[in-house]
Amino acid sequence: TVTLNLAGVCGISVPCGFSGGMPVGLQIIGPALGEAAILRAAYQFEQATEWHKHKPAL
């Protein structure tokens, strides 16, 4: 999300699965000052899935 912030837009990353045993994130982006909308989208994604509760095997 750093490059998005430098570009003046907002973003958030939420867990969405695993690949090769490593966690994968879904990046949700929005326009400048669009934080409320992307936080709602991230919250809805987490409510619809269980990925945020899973941890990789160590």
PDB file of N, CA and C in Angstrom:
ATOM      1  N   THR A   1       0.815  -1.207   0.000  1.00  0.00           N
ATOM      2  CA  THR A   1       0.000   0.000   0.000  1.00  0.00           C
ATOM      3  C   THR A   1       0.851   1.261   0.000  1.00  0.00           C
ATOM      4  N   VAL A   2       2.143   1.144   0.213  1.00  0.00           N
ATOM      5  CA  VAL A   2       3.009   2.328   0.259  1.00  0.00           C
ATOM      6  C   VAL A   2       2.970   3.090  -1.059  1.00  0.00           C
ATOM      7  N   THR A   3       3.086   2.390  -2.178  1.00  0.00           N
ATOM      8  CA  THR A   3       3.074   3.089  -3.471  1.00  0.00           C
ATOM      9  C   THR A   3       1.744   3.782  -3.708  1.00  0.00           C
ATOM     10  N   LEU A   4       0.661   3.190  -3.245  1.00  0.00           N
ATOM     11  CA  LEU A   4      -0.644   3.843  -3.381  1.00  0.00           C
ATOM     12  C   LEU A   4      -0.682   5.130  -2.581  1.00  0.00           C
ATOM     13  N   ASN A   5      -0.176   5.081  -1.350  1.00  0.00           N
ATOM     14  CA  ASN A   5      -0.167   6.270  -0.510  1.00  0.00           C
ATOM     15  C   ASN A   5       0.691   7.371  -1.122  1.00  0.00           C
ATOM     16  N   LEU A   6       1.811   7.003  -1.708  1.00  0.00           N
ATOM     17  CA  LEU A   6       2.667   7.993  -2.360  1.00  0.00           C
ATOM     18  C   LEU A   6       1.988   8.604  -3.576  1.00  0.00           C
ATOM     19  N   ALA A   7       1.104   7.840  -4.214  1.00  0.00           N
ATOM     20  CA  ALA A   7       0.366   8.340  -5.378  1.00  0.00           C
ATOM     21  C   ALA A   7      -0.833   9.191  -4.967  1.00  0.00           C
ATOM     22  N   GLY A   8      -1.127   9.264  -3.673  1.00  0.00           N
ATOM     23  CA  GLY A   8      -2.227  10.089  -3.207  1.00  0.00           C
ATOM     24  C   GLY A   8      -3.564   9.380  -3.132  1.00  0.00           C
ATOM     25  N   VAL A   9      -3.561   8.072  -3.320  1.00  0.00           N
ATOM     26  CA  VAL A   9      -4.798   7.306  -3.183  1.00  0.00           C
ATOM     27  C   VAL A   9      -4.693   6.459  -1.917  1.00  0.00           C
ATOM     28  N   CYS A  10      -5.788   5.862  -1.512  1.00  0.00           N
ATOM     29  CA  CYS A  10      -5.748   5.061  -0.290  1.00  0.00           C
ATOM     30  C   CYS A  10      -5.892   3.585  -0.621  1.00  0.00           C
ATOM     31  N   GLY A  11      -5.395   2.764   0.272  1.00  0.00           N
ATOM     32  CA  GLY A  11      -5.474   1.327   0.057  1.00  0.00           C
ATOM     33  C   GLY A  11      -5.392   0.571   1.362  1.00  0.00           C
ATOM     34  N   ILE A  12      -5.871  -0.660   1.316  1.00  0.00           N
ATOM     35  CA  ILE A  12      -5.815  -1.551   2.471  1.00  0.00           C
ATOM     36  C   ILE A  12      -5.596  -2.966   1.946  1.00  0.00           C
ATOM     37  N   SER A  13      -4.892  -3.771   2.705  1.00  0.00           N
ATOM     38  CA  SER A  13      -4.651  -5.160   2.337  1.00  0.00           C
ATOM     39  C   SER A  13      -5.300  -6.056   3.382  1.00  0.00           C
ATOM     40  N   VAL A  14      -6.069  -7.042   2.911  1.00  0.00           N
ATOM     41  CA  VAL A  14      -6.725  -7.990   3.814  1.00  0.00           C
ATOM     42  C   VAL A  14      -6.340  -9.406   3.405  1.00  0.00           C
ATOM     43  N   PRO A  15      -6.210 -10.322   4.365  1.00  0.00           N
ATOM     44  CA  PRO A  15      -5.870 -11.708   4.043  1.00  0.00           C
ATOM     45  C   PRO A  15      -6.938 -12.350   3.159  1.00  0.00           C
ATOM     46  N   CYS A  16      -6.476 -13.106   2.142  1.00  0.00           N
ATOM     47  CA  CYS A  16      -7.460 -13.738   1.245  1.00  0.00           C
ATOM     48  C   CYS A  16      -7.081 -15.160   0.860  1.00  0.00           C
ATOM     49  N   GLY A  17      -6.107 -15.749   1.536  1.00  0.00           N
ATOM     50  CA  GLY A  17      -5.763 -17.129   1.228  1.00  0.00           C
ATOM     51  C   GLY A  17      -4.289 -17.407   1.413  1.00  0.00           C
ATOM     52  N   PHE A  18      -3.868 -18.545   0.855  1.00  0.00           N
ATOM     53  CA  PHE A  18      -2.474 -18.972   0.942  1.00  0.00           C
ATOM     54  C   PHE A  18      -2.027 -19.492  -0.414  1.00  0.00           C
ATOM     55  N   SER A  19      -0.755 -19.313  -0.709  1.00  0.00           N
ATOM     56  CA  SER A  19      -0.147 -19.854  -1.915  1.00  0.00           C
ATOM     57  C   SER A  19       1.212 -20.409  -1.521  1.00  0.00           C
ATOM     58  N   GLY A  20       1.398 -21.694  -1.725  1.00  0.00           N
ATOM     59  CA  GLY A  20       2.654 -22.316  -1.325  1.00  0.00           C
ATOM     60  C   GLY A  20       2.911 -22.217   0.165  1.00  0.00           C
ATOM     61  N   GLY A  21       1.845 -22.191   0.961  1.00  0.00           N
ATOM     62  CA  GLY A  21       1.981 -22.091   2.403  1.00  0.00           C
ATOM     63  C   GLY A  21       2.186 -20.683   2.929  1.00  0.00           C
ATOM     64  N   MET A  22       2.279 -19.719   2.023  1.00  0.00           N
ATOM     65  CA  MET A  22       2.489 -18.328   2.421  1.00  0.00           C
ATOM     66  C   MET A  22       1.181 -17.551   2.285  1.00  0.00           C
ATOM     67  N   PRO A  23       0.935 -16.593   3.193  1.00  0.00           N
ATOM     68  CA  PRO A  23      -0.300 -15.825   3.122  1.00  0.00           C
ATOM     69  C   PRO A  23      -0.331 -14.898   1.907  1.00  0.00           C
ATOM     70  N   VAL A  24      -1.532 -14.717   1.378  1.00  0.00           N
ATOM     71  CA  VAL A  24      -1.766 -13.838   0.234  1.00  0.00           C
ATOM     72  C   VAL A  24      -2.745 -12.763   0.681  1.00  0.00           C
ATOM     73  N   GLY A  25      -2.529 -11.531   0.235  1.00  0.00           N
ATOM     74  CA  GLY A  25      -3.414 -10.434   0.594  1.00  0.00           C
ATOM     75  C   GLY A  25      -4.164  -9.889  -0.604  1.00  0.00           C
ATOM     76  N   LEU A  26      -5.376  -9.441  -0.346  1.00  0.00           N
ATOM     77  CA  LEU A  26      -6.198  -8.759  -1.341  1.00  0.00           C
ATOM     78  C   LEU A  26      -6.042  -7.271  -1.095  1.00  0.00           C
ATOM     79  N   GLN A  27      -5.596  -6.544  -2.101  1.00  0.00           N
ATOM     80  CA  GLN A  27      -5.414  -5.112  -1.941  1.00  0.00           C
ATOM     81  C   GLN A  27      -6.634  -4.394  -2.504  1.00  0.00           C
ATOM     82  N   ILE A  28      -7.273  -3.610  -1.661  1.00  0.00           N
ATOM     83  CA  ILE A  28      -8.441  -2.825  -2.053  1.00  0.00           C
ATOM     84  C   ILE A  28      -7.989  -1.373  -2.111  1.00  0.00           C
ATOM     85  N   ILE A  29      -8.227  -0.723  -3.243  1.00  0.00           N
ATOM     86  CA  ILE A  29      -7.790   0.664  -3.390  1.00  0.00           C
ATOM     87  C   ILE A  29      -8.986   1.561  -3.677  1.00  0.00           C
ATOM     88  N   GLY A  30      -8.817   2.833  -3.334  1.00  0.00           N
ATOM     89  CA  GLY A  30      -9.864   3.813  -3.571  1.00  0.00           C
ATOM     90  C   GLY A  30      -9.253   5.169  -3.858  1.00  0.00           C
ATOM     91  N   PRO A  31     -10.086   6.126  -4.178  1.00  0.00           N
ATOM     92  CA  PRO A  31      -9.587   7.463  -4.493  1.00  0.00           C
ATOM     93  C   PRO A  31      -9.088   8.183  -3.242  1.00  0.00           C
ATOM     94  N   ALA A  32      -8.431   9.296  -3.452  1.00  0.00           N
ATOM     95  CA  ALA A  32      -8.012  10.125  -2.327  1.00  0.00           C
ATOM     96  C   ALA A  32      -9.229  10.434  -1.465  1.00  0.00           C
ATOM     97  N   LEU A  33      -9.048  10.379  -0.173  1.00  0.00           N
ATOM     98  CA  LEU A  33     -10.107  10.620   0.816  1.00  0.00           C
ATOM     99  C   LEU A  33     -11.213   9.570   0.769  1.00  0.00           C
ATOM    100  N   GLY A  34     -10.921   8.399   0.192  1.00  0.00           N
ATOM    101  CA  GLY A  34     -11.914   7.339   0.101  1.00  0.00           C
ATOM    102  C   GLY A  34     -11.750   6.271   1.167  1.00  0.00           C
ATOM    103  N   GLU A  35     -11.085   6.618   2.266  1.00  0.00           N
ATOM    104  CA  GLU A  35     -10.808   5.633   3.309  1.00  0.00           C
ATOM    105  C   GLU A  35     -12.067   4.958   3.849  1.00  0.00           C
ATOM    106  N   ALA A  36     -13.116   5.704   4.066  1.00  0.00           N
ATOM    107  CA  ALA A  36     -14.341   5.122   4.635  1.00  0.00           C
ATOM    108  C   ALA A  36     -14.888   4.022   3.727  1.00  0.00           C
ATOM    109  N   ALA A  37     -14.877   4.251   2.432  1.00  0.00           N
ATOM    110  CA  ALA A  37     -15.413   3.262   1.485  1.00  0.00           C
ATOM    111  C   ALA A  37     -14.561   1.995   1.457  1.00  0.00           C
ATOM    112  N   ILE A  38     -13.228   2.141   1.456  1.00  0.00           N
ATOM    113  CA  ILE A  38     -12.403   0.932   1.391  1.00  0.00           C
ATOM    114  C   ILE A  38     -12.413   0.178   2.716  1.00  0.00           C
ATOM    115  N   LEU A  39     -12.558   0.893   3.827  1.00  0.00           N
ATOM    116  CA  LEU A  39     -12.685   0.205   5.113  1.00  0.00           C
ATOM    117  C   LEU A  39     -13.986  -0.587   5.172  1.00  0.00           C
ATOM    118  N   ARG A  40     -15.065  -0.031   4.631  1.00  0.00           N
ATOM    119  CA  ARG A  40     -16.332  -0.774   4.570  1.00  0.00           C
ATOM    120  C   ARG A  40     -16.180  -2.015   3.705  1.00  0.00           C
ATOM    121  N   ALA A  41     -15.519  -1.870   2.556  1.00  0.00           N
ATOM    122  CA  ALA A  41     -15.320  -3.011   1.657  1.00  0.00           C
ATOM    123  C   ALA A  41     -14.473  -4.089   2.329  1.00  0.00           C
ATOM    124  N   ALA A  42     -13.403  -3.687   3.018  1.00  0.00           N
ATOM    125  CA  ALA A  42     -12.544  -4.650   3.714  1.00  0.00           C
ATOM    126  C   ALA A  42     -13.320  -5.352   4.826  1.00  0.00           C
ATOM    127  N   TYR A  43     -14.119  -4.609   5.556  1.00  0.00           N
ATOM    128  CA  TYR A  43     -14.925  -5.197   6.628  1.00  0.00           C
ATOM    129  C   TYR A  43     -15.921  -6.204   6.058  1.00  0.00           C
ATOM    130  N   GLN A  44     -16.589  -5.840   4.976  1.00  0.00           N
ATOM    131  CA  GLN A  44     -17.552  -6.750   4.356  1.00  0.00           C
ATOM    132  C   GLN A  44     -16.868  -8.018   3.857  1.00  0.00           C
ATOM    133  N   PHE A  45     -15.663  -7.881   3.277  1.00  0.00           N
ATOM    134  CA  PHE A  45     -14.918  -9.054   2.821  1.00  0.00           C
ATOM    135  C   PHE A  45     -14.594  -9.966   4.004  1.00  0.00           C
ATOM    136  N   GLU A  46     -14.120  -9.381   5.101  1.00  0.00           N
ATOM    137  CA  GLU A  46     -13.784 -10.198   6.269  1.00  0.00           C
ATOM    138  C   GLU A  46     -15.021 -10.859   6.875  1.00  0.00           C
ATOM    139  N   GLN A  47     -16.159 -10.202   6.826  1.00  0.00           N
ATOM    140  CA  GLN A  47     -17.388 -10.802   7.346  1.00  0.00           C
ATOM    141  C   GLN A  47     -17.860 -11.955   6.471  1.00  0.00           C
ATOM    142  N   ALA A  48     -17.575 -11.888   5.173  1.00  0.00           N
ATOM    143  CA  ALA A  48     -18.016 -12.916   4.223  1.00  0.00           C
ATOM    144  C   ALA A  48     -17.049 -14.096   4.142  1.00  0.00           C
ATOM    145  N   THR A  49     -15.832 -13.938   4.658  1.00  0.00           N
ATOM    146  CA  THR A  49     -14.823 -14.994   4.589  1.00  0.00           C
ATOM    147  C   THR A  49     -14.245 -15.250   5.981  1.00  0.00           C
ATOM    148  N   GLU A  50     -13.435 -16.263   6.084  1.00  0.00           N
ATOM    149  CA  GLU A  50     -12.773 -16.596   7.350  1.00  0.00           C
ATOM    150  C   GLU A  50     -11.255 -16.441   7.251  1.00  0.00           C
ATOM    151  N   TRP A  51     -10.760 -15.865   6.155  1.00  0.00           N
ATOM    152  CA  TRP A  51      -9.312 -15.821   5.934  1.00  0.00           C
ATOM    153  C   TRP A  51      -8.568 -15.072   7.024  1.00  0.00           C
ATOM    154  N   HIS A  52      -9.151 -14.045   7.596  1.00  0.00           N
ATOM    155  CA  HIS A  52      -8.452 -13.270   8.627  1.00  0.00           C
ATOM    156  C   HIS A  52      -8.242 -14.070   9.911  1.00  0.00           C
ATOM    157  N   LYS A  53      -8.888 -15.229  10.029  1.00  0.00           N
ATOM    158  CA  LYS A  53      -8.736 -16.067  11.218  1.00  0.00           C
ATOM    159  C   LYS A  53      -7.693 -17.169  11.035  1.00  0.00           C
ATOM    160  N   HIS A  54      -7.224 -17.386   9.804  1.00  0.00           N
ATOM    161  CA  HIS A  54      -6.263 -18.454   9.517  1.00  0.00           C
ATOM    162  C   HIS A  54      -4.833 -17.944   9.643  1.00  0.00           C
ATOM    163  N   LYS A  55      -3.970 -18.800  10.137  1.00  0.00           N
ATOM    164  CA  LYS A  55      -2.553 -18.461  10.269  1.00  0.00           C
ATOM    165  C   LYS A  55      -1.730 -19.513   9.536  1.00  0.00           C
ATOM    166  N   PRO A  56      -0.603 -19.098   8.927  1.00  0.00           N
ATOM    167  CA  PRO A  56       0.234 -20.085   8.236  1.00  0.00           C
ATOM    168  C   PRO A  56       0.897 -21.033   9.231  1.00  0.00           C
ATOM    169  N   ALA A  57       1.130 -22.249   8.785  1.00  0.00           N
ATOM    170  CA  ALA A  57       1.856 -23.218   9.615  1.00  0.00           C
ATOM    171  C   ALA A  57       3.314 -22.784   9.704  1.00  0.00           C
ATOM    172  N   LEU A  58       3.873 -22.875  10.886  1.00  0.00           N
ATOM    173  CA  LEU A  58       5.280 -22.480  11.061  1.00  0.00           C
ATOM    174  C   LEU A  58       6.175 -23.690  11.118  1.00  0.00           C
TER     175      LEU A  58
END
